[in-house]
Protein backbone atom coordinates (compact mmCIF):
# COMPACT_ATOMS: atom_id res chain seq x y z
CA MET A 1 0.04 -0.01 0.03
CA PRO A 2 2.63 2.50 0.83
CA ASN A 3 4.43 1.51 -2.37
CA THR A 4 1.20 2.32 -4.24
CA SER A 5 0.87 5.73 -2.58
CA ILE A 6 4.60 6.58 -3.57
CA GLU A 7 4.01 5.38 -7.03
CA GLN A 8 0.71 7.45 -7.17
CA LEU A 9 2.52 10.32 -5.86
CA GLN A 10 5.37 10.02 -8.64
CA ASN A 11 2.62 9.85 -11.18
CA MET A 12 1.08 12.89 -9.91
CA ILE A 13 4.41 14.83 -9.93
CA SER A 14 5.12 13.43 -13.24
CA GLU A 15 1.71 14.71 -14.47
CA LEU A 16 2.28 18.16 -12.92
CA ILE A 17 5.59 18.32 -14.70
CA MET A 18 4.12 17.41 -17.87
CA SER A 19 1.25 19.84 -17.26
CA GLN A 20 3.83 22.59 -16.43
CA LYS A 21 5.76 21.72 -19.56
CA GLU A 22 2.72 21.87 -21.58
CA THR A 23 1.44 25.16 -20.12
CA ASP A 24 5.15 26.58 -20.58
CA THR A 25 4.97 25.51 -24.33
CA LYS A 26 1.55 27.05 -24.66
CA PHE A 27 2.87 30.31 -23.10
CA LYS A 28 5.93 30.22 -25.42
CA GLU A 29 3.75 29.67 -28.50
CA THR A 30 1.20 32.43 -27.37
CA GLU A 31 4.31 34.73 -26.68
CA LYS A 32 5.57 33.89 -30.25
CA LEU A 33 2.26 34.52 -31.82
CA LEU A 34 1.91 37.75 -29.81
CA ASN A 35 5.23 38.81 -31.05
CA GLN A 36 4.50 37.89 -34.58
CA LYS A 37 1.16 39.92 -34.25
CA PHE A 38 2.84 42.93 -32.78
CA SER A 39 5.49 42.65 -35.63
CA GLU A 40 2.88 42.50 -38.15
CA THR A 41 0.99 45.33 -36.63
CA TRP A 42 4.15 47.42 -36.34
CA ASP A 43 4.89 46.79 -40.07
CA MET A 44 1.23 48.02 -40.87
CA PHE A 45 1.80 51.10 -38.77
CA LYS A 46 5.07 51.62 -40.68
CA GLU A 47 3.34 51.34 -43.97
CA THR A 48 0.29 53.58 -42.98
CA ASP A 49 2.88 56.18 -41.66
CA ALA A 50 4.76 55.96 -45.06
CA LYS A 51 1.50 56.30 -46.93
CA PHE A 52 0.44 59.34 -44.79
CA LYS A 53 3.88 60.88 -45.39
CA GLU A 54 3.52 60.16 -49.20
CA THR A 55 0.06 61.66 -49.03
CA GLU A 56 1.23 64.80 -47.10
CA LYS A 57 3.90 65.25 -49.67
CA ILE A 58 1.43 64.95 -52.54
CA LEU A 59 -0.76 67.33 -50.89
CA ASN A 60 2.05 69.79 -50.24
CA GLU A 61 2.96 69.71 -54.01
CA LYS A 62 -0.62 70.32 -54.85
CA PHE A 63 -1.02 73.19 -52.67
CA SER A 64 2.27 74.66 -53.86
CA GLU A 65 0.93 74.26 -57.45
CA THR A 66 -2.43 75.97 -56.61
CA ASP A 67 -0.59 78.70 -54.76
CA ALA A 68 1.70 79.37 -57.68
CA LYS A 69 -1.33 79.36 -59.94
CA PHE A 70 -3.14 81.83 -57.70
CA LYS A 71 -0.04 84.16 -57.77
CA GLU A 72 0.16 83.75 -61.57
CA THR A 73 -3.50 84.42 -61.82
CA ASP A 74 -3.17 87.69 -59.55
CA THR A 75 -0.25 88.76 -61.48
CA LYS A 76 -2.23 88.41 -64.76
CA PHE A 77 -5.11 90.30 -63.09
CA LYS A 78 -2.94 93.27 -62.05
CA ASP A 79 -1.20 93.40 -65.36
CA THR A 80 -4.75 93.32 -67.01
CA ASP A 81 -5.83 96.12 -64.52
CA ARG A 82 -2.92 98.13 -65.36
CA GLN A 83 -3.36 97.80 -69.20
CA ILE A 84 -6.89 98.87 -68.69
CA LYS A 85 -5.93 101.94 -66.68
CA GLU A 86 -3.46 102.82 -69.26
CA ALA A 87 -5.84 102.49 -72.01
CA ASN A 88 -8.39 104.60 -70.15
CA ALA A 89 -5.72 107.15 -69.73
CA LEU A 90 -4.78 107.37 -73.24
CA PHE A 91 -8.36 107.56 -74.22
CA THR A 92 -9.18 110.53 -71.76
CA SER A 93 -5.84 112.19 -72.89
CA GLN A 94 -6.84 111.90 -76.48
CA TRP A 95 -10.42 113.07 -75.89
CA GLY A 96 -8.98 116.05 -73.82
CA LYS A 97 -6.67 117.12 -76.77
CA LEU A 98 -9.58 116.78 -79.16
CA ILE A 99 -11.77 118.87 -76.91
CA GLU A 100 -8.94 121.55 -76.49
CA SER A 101 -8.63 121.74 -80.18
CA LEU A 102 -12.42 122.32 -80.64
CA VAL A 103 -12.51 124.84 -77.92
CA LYS A 104 -9.20 126.78 -78.92
CA GLY A 105 -10.65 127.09 -82.64
CA ASP A 106 -13.74 128.94 -81.45
CA LEU A 107 -12.73 130.45 -78.30
CA VAL A 108 -11.60 133.86 -79.49
CA THR A 109 -14.89 134.14 -81.51
CA ILE A 110 -17.18 132.85 -78.75
CA LEU A 111 -15.52 135.14 -76.17
CA LYS A 112 -15.77 138.37 -78.28
CA LYS A 113 -19.49 137.74 -78.43
CA GLN A 114 -19.43 137.93 -74.66
CA GLY A 115 -17.70 141.42 -74.89
CA ILE A 116 -14.30 140.17 -74.09
CA ASP A 117 -11.97 141.18 -76.93
CA VAL A 118 -9.20 138.70 -76.78
CA HIS A 119 -6.97 138.32 -79.71
CA ASP A 120 -5.17 134.98 -79.42
CA THR A 121 -4.66 131.86 -77.22
CA SER A 122 -1.64 129.85 -75.65
CA GLU A 123 -1.90 126.33 -74.34
CA ARG A 124 -0.52 124.19 -71.61
CA ARG A 125 0.98 126.92 -69.53
CA LYS A 126 2.82 124.91 -66.88
CA GLY A 127 4.93 126.09 -63.98
CA ASN A 128 6.26 125.73 -60.42
CA HIS A 129 5.68 128.24 -57.78
CA GLU A 130 7.38 127.78 -54.49
CA GLY A 131 7.28 123.92 -54.75
CA VAL A 132 3.75 123.91 -56.03
CA ASN A 133 3.22 122.71 -59.63
CA TYR A 134 0.48 124.08 -61.63
CA GLU A 135 -0.86 124.05 -65.15
CA PHE A 136 -3.55 125.92 -67.10
CA ASP A 137 -5.02 124.18 -70.26
CA ILE A 138 -5.71 127.42 -72.57
CA ILE A 139 -5.26 130.96 -71.91
CA ALA A 140 -6.98 133.50 -74.11
CA HIS A 141 -5.49 137.15 -74.00
CA ASN A 142 -5.31 140.75 -74.99
CA GLY A 143 -3.32 143.59 -73.51
CA SER A 144 -5.47 143.98 -70.23
CA GLU A 145 -7.47 140.73 -69.90
CA ILE A 146 -6.98 136.99 -69.98
CA VAL A 147 -9.58 134.11 -69.88
CA ILE A 148 -8.28 130.85 -68.36
CA VAL A 149 -9.98 127.78 -69.57
CA GLU A 150 -10.14 124.41 -67.82
CA VAL A 151 -10.82 121.33 -70.23
CA LYS A 152 -12.38 118.20 -69.06
CA THR A 153 -13.76 115.38 -71.01
CA THR A 154 -16.29 115.01 -68.19
CA LEU A 155 -16.78 117.95 -65.97
CA ARG A 156 -17.52 117.20 -62.24
CA ALA A 157 -18.17 119.42 -59.33
CA ASN A 158 -14.89 118.78 -57.56
CA ASP A 159 -13.11 119.97 -61.04
CA VAL A 160 -15.05 123.16 -60.68
CA ARG A 161 -13.80 123.63 -57.11
CA LEU A 162 -10.19 122.69 -57.85
CA PHE A 163 -10.39 125.15 -60.69
CA LEU A 164 -11.63 128.04 -58.62
CA SER A 165 -8.81 127.49 -56.17
CA LYS A 166 -6.27 127.58 -59.15
CA LEU A 167 -7.71 130.78 -60.36
CA SER A 168 -7.51 132.34 -57.02
CA LYS A 169 -3.69 131.78 -57.24
CA ALA A 170 -3.35 132.74 -60.98
CA LYS A 171 -1.82 136.26 -60.41
CA ILE A 172 0.61 135.00 -58.13
CA TRP A 173 1.56 131.90 -60.43
CA LEU A 174 1.29 133.99 -63.73
CA ALA A 175 3.21 137.15 -62.49
CA GLU A 176 3.04 138.76 -66.03
CA TYR A 177 -0.79 139.08 -65.62
CA LYS A 178 -0.86 140.32 -61.99
CA ASN A 179 -2.38 143.69 -63.36
CA PHE A 180 -4.80 142.01 -65.73
CA LYS A 181 -8.51 141.16 -65.31
CA ILE A 182 -8.58 137.44 -65.10
CA TYR A 183 -11.79 135.42 -65.92
CA GLY A 184 -12.41 131.78 -65.89
CA ALA A 185 -13.96 129.12 -67.98
CA VAL A 186 -14.77 125.52 -68.06
CA ALA A 187 -14.91 123.60 -71.27
CA TYR A 188 -16.16 120.06 -71.53
CA LEU A 189 -17.84 117.48 -73.67
CA LYS A 190 -20.25 116.26 -70.88
CA ALA A 191 -21.06 117.49 -67.39
CA GLU A 192 -22.11 115.41 -64.45
CA GLU A 193 -23.43 116.38 -61.03
CA ALA A 194 -24.80 119.60 -62.30
CA ALA A 195 -21.16 120.74 -62.47
CA ASP A 196 -21.95 123.21 -65.36
CA ILE A 197 -24.62 124.83 -63.37
CA MET A 198 -22.36 125.11 -60.51
CA ALA A 199 -19.60 126.81 -62.57
CA MET A 200 -21.97 129.32 -63.97
CA ASN A 201 -23.11 130.05 -60.41
CA GLN A 202 -19.62 130.87 -59.36
CA GLY A 203 -19.12 133.32 -62.19
CA LEU A 204 -17.32 131.03 -64.78
CA PHE A 205 -18.15 130.74 -68.62
CA SER A 206 -19.53 127.46 -69.43
CA ILE A 207 -18.24 126.08 -72.79
CA ARG A 208 -19.73 122.98 -74.29
CA ALA A 209 -17.90 120.98 -76.98
CA THR A 210 -20.49 119.79 -79.49
CA GLY A 211 -19.86 118.18 -82.89
CA ASN A 212 -17.02 120.01 -84.48
CA SER A 213 -17.26 123.25 -82.61
CA ALA A 214 -17.78 124.91 -79.01
CA ALA A 215 -20.46 127.04 -77.78
CA ILE A 216 -21.02 129.14 -74.40
CA THR A 217 -23.92 127.98 -72.55
CA ASN A 218 -24.32 130.86 -70.12
CA SER A 219 -27.38 133.05 -70.42
CA ALA A 220 -27.19 136.19 -72.39
CA ASP A 221 -27.24 138.37 -69.20
CA PHE A 222 -24.37 136.49 -67.60
CA ILE A 223 -21.65 138.59 -65.76
CA PRO A 224 -18.41 136.87 -65.17
CA ILE A 225 -16.47 137.00 -62.03
CA CYS A 226 -13.16 138.84 -62.18
CA PHE A 227 -10.28 137.47 -60.37
């Protein structure tokens, strides 16, 4: 009986050892499997990270291309805007010269009809007085009077205000006329903001270019202001 008990004990121990070995083997297999899964997962993370970086690179390239196109488009818009402004300036300048030519051709005649006996005209009187640049478009003159004409394609209220300011300084800027009677006139193709009425109310001659000539639009009883 004791021998049987010892044998049983030995068997039990043997079974425990076998069970432990089996468990250890399963742990190792499990550890190996986990390591393999971790390795696969890590490889997947690396692959995903590489794809993210590649995607980021592509997006950055696309953004750079888009930004470059926006800049190019902006440059083209600015260039187009500049060309339009230059064309408008040229158009305005050419119209201004045409109106000046029309006004100058009739100016002596129409002013004589208003009782101002001018004989001839000069154009584009420019100068600088104490650092201030000035320019008068047309000046009609005789020995004691001059009429200074401001020419505009489109006459606006602010043009009249600025011209009146220039006229108030004319005897200072044009010293040779300091003892002359000075009158003012605005000549235009069209008027906005009732600028022609404003000019007449301020004592200026109003000269409108029409067709191939120019005519004074002031009333018959108009009396010009003398500067």
